[in-house]
Amino acid sequence: KDGMSQTTKTALKELQRLDGEIRVAEERVAAFGPLLDDVEGPVVQLDTEAGVTRARFQEMKLDERRHELAAEEKHTRSKILQERLLTVRNVREEAAVTAELNMVRRTLEGEEQDAMTLLDQISKLEIRLEEQEASLVAARADVEPRRQELIKEREEVGTEVAEMKRRREEFATKMNPRELQLYQDIRGPTGRQAVAELTPDGACGHCFSVMPLQIQNEVRHGDELVRCEACGVILAASEPEGDGG
């Protein structure tokens, strides 16, 4: 068995206090996530809406280009047919060319009508996109001061956490490695309580199981490491009233 002085028990309590402070500070850092989400929410929403409009606008511009190409093709075909009309050799040939020319012209009229409708839609969509982008710029400007403030605060708390962890590591290096390992093992991945003071009536301060008198005396006056028989935490004597720290 390793001897363990009351000083070491006090050191373990101090280590646990430091770990508790680190956990609280880390929770403060994590709490900035939802706060930033709330602040950025309206901007994200507007950005999404503008993105949908922008995609639709680009799609319609491509559609407009397709109509232009189709109309150009019909114009070219119409011109060729008009020239052919001048060189027809008989009535039957003239009738065939005229029929095709009329069909091309009708199709061209349809293309041009569709293009006009599309241009009108594009124009309206462009206005809507400009309005959405203006709203987005305004919303960004509106939330930016608060967003920067939150980011700065989060960084400050993050710096505090880093300093706390540095102090904790420095403190831990001065401790008995075996005792430190036991402390870490009890805490486990969840960081549960590893050290608990005895209550005035001799119970474990963690699970409140009353300890036999012999164990109480060993905790309060002995040098041996004593763990709660019920929950396994390291037991330490309570600090005298008025003792700083």
Protein backbone atom coordinates (compact mmCIF):
# COMPACT_ATOMS: atom_id res chain seq x y z
CA LYS A 1 0.00 0.00 0.00
CA ASP A 2 1.17 3.52 -0.73
CA GLY A 3 1.11 5.94 2.14
CA MET A 4 -0.96 9.01 1.38
CA SER A 5 -0.69 12.13 3.51
CA GLN A 6 -3.54 14.51 4.21
CA THR A 7 -1.62 16.98 2.01
CA THR A 8 -1.94 14.62 -0.96
CA LYS A 9 -5.67 14.24 -0.31
CA THR A 10 -5.94 18.03 -0.31
CA ALA A 11 -3.98 18.11 -3.58
CA LEU A 12 -6.42 15.65 -5.17
CA LYS A 13 -9.33 17.83 -4.05
CA GLU A 14 -7.59 20.84 -5.60
CA LEU A 15 -7.04 18.91 -8.84
CA GLN A 16 -10.72 18.01 -8.89
CA ARG A 17 -11.62 21.67 -8.29
CA LEU A 18 -9.45 22.67 -11.27
CA ASP A 19 -11.07 19.98 -13.44
CA GLY A 20 -14.50 21.25 -12.40
CA GLU A 21 -13.59 24.80 -13.38
CA ILE A 22 -12.27 23.57 -16.74
CA ARG A 23 -15.50 21.67 -17.40
CA VAL A 24 -17.64 24.73 -16.58
CA ALA A 25 -15.48 26.92 -18.84
CA GLU A 26 -15.66 24.37 -21.68
CA GLU A 27 -19.45 24.33 -21.33
CA ARG A 28 -19.37 28.14 -21.63
CA VAL A 29 -17.37 27.81 -24.88
CA ALA A 30 -19.86 25.23 -26.22
CA ALA A 31 -22.80 27.51 -25.32
CA PHE A 32 -21.60 30.06 -27.87
CA GLY A 33 -22.52 27.64 -30.69
CA PRO A 34 -26.31 27.97 -30.28
CA LEU A 35 -25.96 31.72 -29.59
CA LEU A 36 -24.10 32.20 -32.89
CA ASP A 37 -26.65 30.01 -34.68
CA ASP A 38 -29.45 32.26 -33.37
CA VAL A 39 -27.63 35.42 -34.49
CA GLU A 40 -26.71 34.00 -37.91
CA GLY A 41 -30.10 32.30 -38.43
CA PRO A 42 -31.81 35.14 -40.37
CA VAL A 43 -28.72 35.60 -42.58
CA VAL A 44 -28.52 31.87 -43.33
CA GLN A 45 -32.23 31.84 -44.22
CA LEU A 46 -31.90 34.84 -46.57
CA ASP A 47 -28.73 33.38 -48.10
CA THR A 48 -30.54 30.10 -48.79
CA GLU A 49 -33.50 31.91 -50.39
CA ALA A 50 -31.20 34.07 -52.54
CA GLY A 51 -29.28 30.93 -53.54
CA VAL A 52 -32.48 29.26 -54.76
CA THR A 53 -33.44 32.38 -56.75
CA ARG A 54 -29.91 32.69 -58.18
CA ALA A 55 -29.95 29.05 -59.34
CA ARG A 56 -33.38 29.53 -60.95
CA PHE A 57 -32.16 32.76 -62.60
CA GLN A 58 -29.11 31.01 -64.09
CA GLU A 59 -31.31 28.15 -65.27
CA MET A 60 -33.66 30.59 -67.03
CA LYS A 61 -30.73 32.44 -68.64
CA LEU A 62 -29.58 29.11 -70.10
CA ASP A 63 -33.13 28.51 -71.29
CA GLU A 64 -33.11 31.97 -72.91
CA ARG A 65 -29.88 31.09 -74.73
CA ARG A 66 -31.46 27.83 -75.98
CA HIS A 67 -34.42 29.81 -77.36
CA GLU A 68 -32.02 32.27 -79.06
CA LEU A 69 -30.11 29.44 -80.73
CA ALA A 70 -33.34 27.75 -81.84
CA ALA A 71 -34.64 31.05 -83.27
CA GLU A 72 -31.34 31.66 -85.08
CA GLU A 73 -31.57 28.19 -86.59
CA LYS A 74 -35.17 28.85 -87.76
CA HIS A 75 -34.15 32.25 -89.22
CA THR A 76 -31.33 30.58 -91.17
CA ARG A 77 -33.68 27.83 -92.38
CA SER A 78 -36.30 30.42 -93.36
CA LYS A 79 -33.72 32.38 -95.37
CA ILE A 80 -32.58 29.21 -97.19
CA LEU A 81 -36.21 28.32 -98.04
CA GLN A 82 -36.95 31.84 -99.29
CA GLU A 83 -33.92 31.63 -101.59
CA ARG A 84 -35.04 28.18 -102.77
CA LEU A 85 -38.46 29.59 -103.70
CA LEU A 86 -36.68 31.69 -106.30
CA THR A 87 -35.24 28.59 -107.97
CA VAL A 88 -38.18 26.15 -107.94
CA ARG A 89 -38.84 24.38 -111.25
CA ASN A 90 -42.52 23.48 -110.92
CA VAL A 91 -45.70 24.10 -108.91
CA ARG A 92 -45.36 20.93 -106.87
CA GLU A 93 -41.85 21.91 -105.73
CA GLU A 94 -43.05 25.43 -104.98
CA ALA A 95 -45.93 24.07 -102.85
CA ALA A 96 -43.56 21.84 -100.85
CA VAL A 97 -41.08 24.66 -100.17
CA THR A 98 -43.89 27.09 -99.28
CA ALA A 99 -45.44 24.57 -96.85
CA GLU A 100 -42.11 24.04 -95.11
CA LEU A 101 -41.45 27.78 -95.04
CA ASN A 102 -44.84 28.44 -93.42
CA MET A 103 -44.18 25.74 -90.84
CA VAL A 104 -40.74 27.21 -90.04
CA ARG A 105 -42.25 30.69 -89.70
CA ARG A 106 -44.99 29.42 -87.34
CA THR A 107 -42.39 27.62 -85.23
CA LEU A 108 -40.25 30.77 -85.23
CA GLU A 109 -43.20 32.86 -84.06
CA GLY A 110 -43.75 30.34 -81.24
CA GLU A 111 -40.08 30.49 -80.28
CA GLU A 112 -40.14 34.28 -80.26
CA GLN A 113 -43.33 34.34 -78.16
CA ASP A 114 -41.79 31.90 -75.68
CA ALA A 115 -38.63 34.01 -75.60
CA MET A 116 -40.66 37.17 -74.82
CA THR A 117 -42.47 35.40 -71.97
CA LEU A 118 -39.17 34.06 -70.68
CA LEU A 119 -37.52 37.50 -70.85
CA ASP A 120 -40.38 38.92 -68.79
CA GLN A 121 -39.94 36.16 -66.18
CA ILE A 122 -36.16 36.69 -66.15
CA SER A 123 -36.64 40.43 -65.64
CA LYS A 124 -38.98 39.86 -62.67
CA LEU A 125 -36.66 37.23 -61.21
CA GLU A 126 -33.66 39.55 -61.58
CA ILE A 127 -35.49 42.26 -59.60
CA ARG A 128 -36.39 39.69 -56.93
CA LEU A 129 -32.79 38.48 -56.75
CA GLU A 130 -31.50 42.05 -56.39
CA GLU A 131 -33.99 42.64 -53.55
CA GLN A 132 -32.98 39.39 -51.82
CA GLU A 133 -29.28 40.18 -52.15
CA ALA A 134 -29.85 43.69 -50.78
CA SER A 135 -31.76 42.19 -47.82
CA LEU A 136 -28.92 39.73 -47.30
CA VAL A 137 -26.28 42.49 -47.27
CA ALA A 138 -28.42 44.51 -44.82
CA ALA A 139 -28.98 41.48 -42.57
CA ARG A 140 -25.26 40.66 -42.55
CA ALA A 141 -24.42 44.25 -41.61
CA ASP A 142 -27.10 44.15 -38.92
CA VAL A 143 -25.87 40.98 -37.19
CA GLU A 144 -22.12 41.40 -37.77
CA PRO A 145 -21.38 43.50 -34.63
CA ARG A 146 -23.14 40.97 -32.37
CA ARG A 147 -21.55 38.05 -34.26
CA GLN A 148 -18.06 39.52 -33.85
CA GLU A 149 -18.79 40.23 -30.18
CA LEU A 150 -19.78 36.59 -29.59
CA ILE A 151 -16.74 35.29 -31.51
CA LYS A 152 -14.46 37.54 -29.43
CA GLU A 153 -16.09 36.38 -26.17
CA ARG A 154 -15.77 32.74 -27.24
CA GLU A 155 -12.08 33.25 -28.03
CA GLU A 156 -11.55 34.90 -24.62
CA VAL A 157 -13.19 31.97 -22.81
CA GLY A 158 -11.18 29.59 -25.01
CA THR A 159 -7.99 31.36 -23.90
CA GLU A 160 -9.13 30.99 -20.26
CA VAL A 161 -9.67 27.25 -20.82
CA ALA A 162 -6.18 26.88 -22.31
CA GLU A 163 -4.65 28.70 -19.32
CA MET A 164 -6.68 26.58 -16.86
CA LYS A 165 -5.49 23.39 -18.59
CA ARG A 166 -1.89 24.63 -18.46
CA ARG A 167 -2.21 25.31 -14.70
CA ARG A 168 -3.86 21.93 -14.22
CA GLU A 169 -1.04 20.11 -16.04
CA GLU A 170 1.55 22.03 -14.05
CA PHE A 171 -0.24 21.09 -10.81
CA ALA A 172 -0.57 17.43 -11.85
CA THR A 173 3.15 17.05 -12.59
CA LYS A 174 3.90 17.65 -8.89
CA MET A 175 1.66 14.77 -7.78
CA ASN A 176 2.44 11.11 -7.17
CA PRO A 177 1.93 9.43 -10.60
CA ARG A 178 0.19 6.39 -9.08
CA GLU A 179 -2.27 8.51 -7.09
CA LEU A 180 -2.84 10.70 -10.14
CA GLN A 181 -3.54 7.59 -12.26
CA LEU A 182 -6.06 6.33 -9.69
CA TYR A 183 -7.79 9.71 -9.74
CA GLN A 184 -7.96 9.60 -13.56
CA ASP A 185 -9.24 6.01 -13.54
CA ILE A 186 -12.08 6.89 -11.15
CA ARG A 187 -13.02 9.96 -13.19
CA GLY A 188 -13.08 7.89 -16.37
CA PRO A 189 -14.15 9.29 -19.75
CA THR A 190 -17.24 10.96 -18.27
CA GLY A 191 -15.22 12.99 -15.76
CA ARG A 192 -17.28 11.84 -12.76
CA GLN A 193 -16.46 12.90 -9.21
CA ALA A 194 -13.30 11.16 -7.98
CA VAL A 195 -12.78 12.73 -4.54
CA ALA A 196 -15.46 13.38 -1.92
CA GLU A 197 -15.25 14.82 1.58
CA LEU A 198 -16.77 12.99 4.50
CA THR A 199 -19.90 14.70 5.79
CA PRO A 200 -19.95 15.74 9.49
CA ASP A 201 -21.95 12.58 10.30
CA GLY A 202 -19.37 10.35 8.57
CA ALA A 203 -21.05 9.68 5.24
CA CYS A 204 -19.48 9.71 1.77
CA GLY A 205 -20.03 13.15 0.27
CA HIS A 206 -20.76 11.58 -3.12
CA CYS A 207 -23.19 8.71 -2.49
CA PHE A 208 -24.01 9.54 1.17
CA SER A 209 -23.40 6.00 2.41
CA VAL A 210 -22.37 6.16 6.09
CA MET A 211 -18.83 4.84 6.62
CA PRO A 212 -17.82 2.63 9.58
CA LEU A 213 -16.07 4.58 12.39
CA GLN A 214 -12.74 2.89 11.67
CA ILE A 215 -12.85 4.14 8.05
CA GLN A 216 -13.94 7.60 9.19
CA ASN A 217 -10.92 7.80 11.53
CA GLU A 218 -8.57 6.55 8.81
CA VAL A 219 -9.89 9.21 6.41
CA ARG A 220 -9.63 12.01 8.98
CA HIS A 221 -6.32 11.12 10.61
CA GLY A 222 -4.55 8.36 8.67
CA ASP A 223 -2.11 8.44 5.78
CA GLU A 224 -3.68 5.56 3.85
CA LEU A 225 -5.71 6.09 0.72
CA VAL A 226 -9.32 5.20 1.56
CA ARG A 227 -12.10 4.71 -0.97
CA CYS A 228 -15.83 4.61 -0.38
CA GLU A 229 -16.95 0.98 -0.18
CA ALA A 230 -20.21 1.87 -1.96
CA CYS A 231 -19.27 4.16 -4.88
CA GLY A 232 -15.47 3.92 -5.04
CA VAL A 233 -14.56 7.62 -4.75
CA ILE A 234 -11.47 8.66 -2.79
CA LEU A 235 -12.55 9.91 0.63
CA ALA A 236 -10.99 13.00 2.17
CA ALA A 237 -11.52 14.88 5.42
CA SER A 238 -13.57 18.05 5.17
CA GLU A 239 -11.68 21.33 5.34
CA PRO A 240 -11.83 23.10 8.72
CA GLU A 241 -14.33 25.97 8.78
CA GLY A 242 -12.85 29.29 7.71
CA ASP A 243 -9.85 27.67 6.03
CA GLY A 244 -9.19 29.54 2.77
CA GLY A 245 -8.67 27.84 -0.58
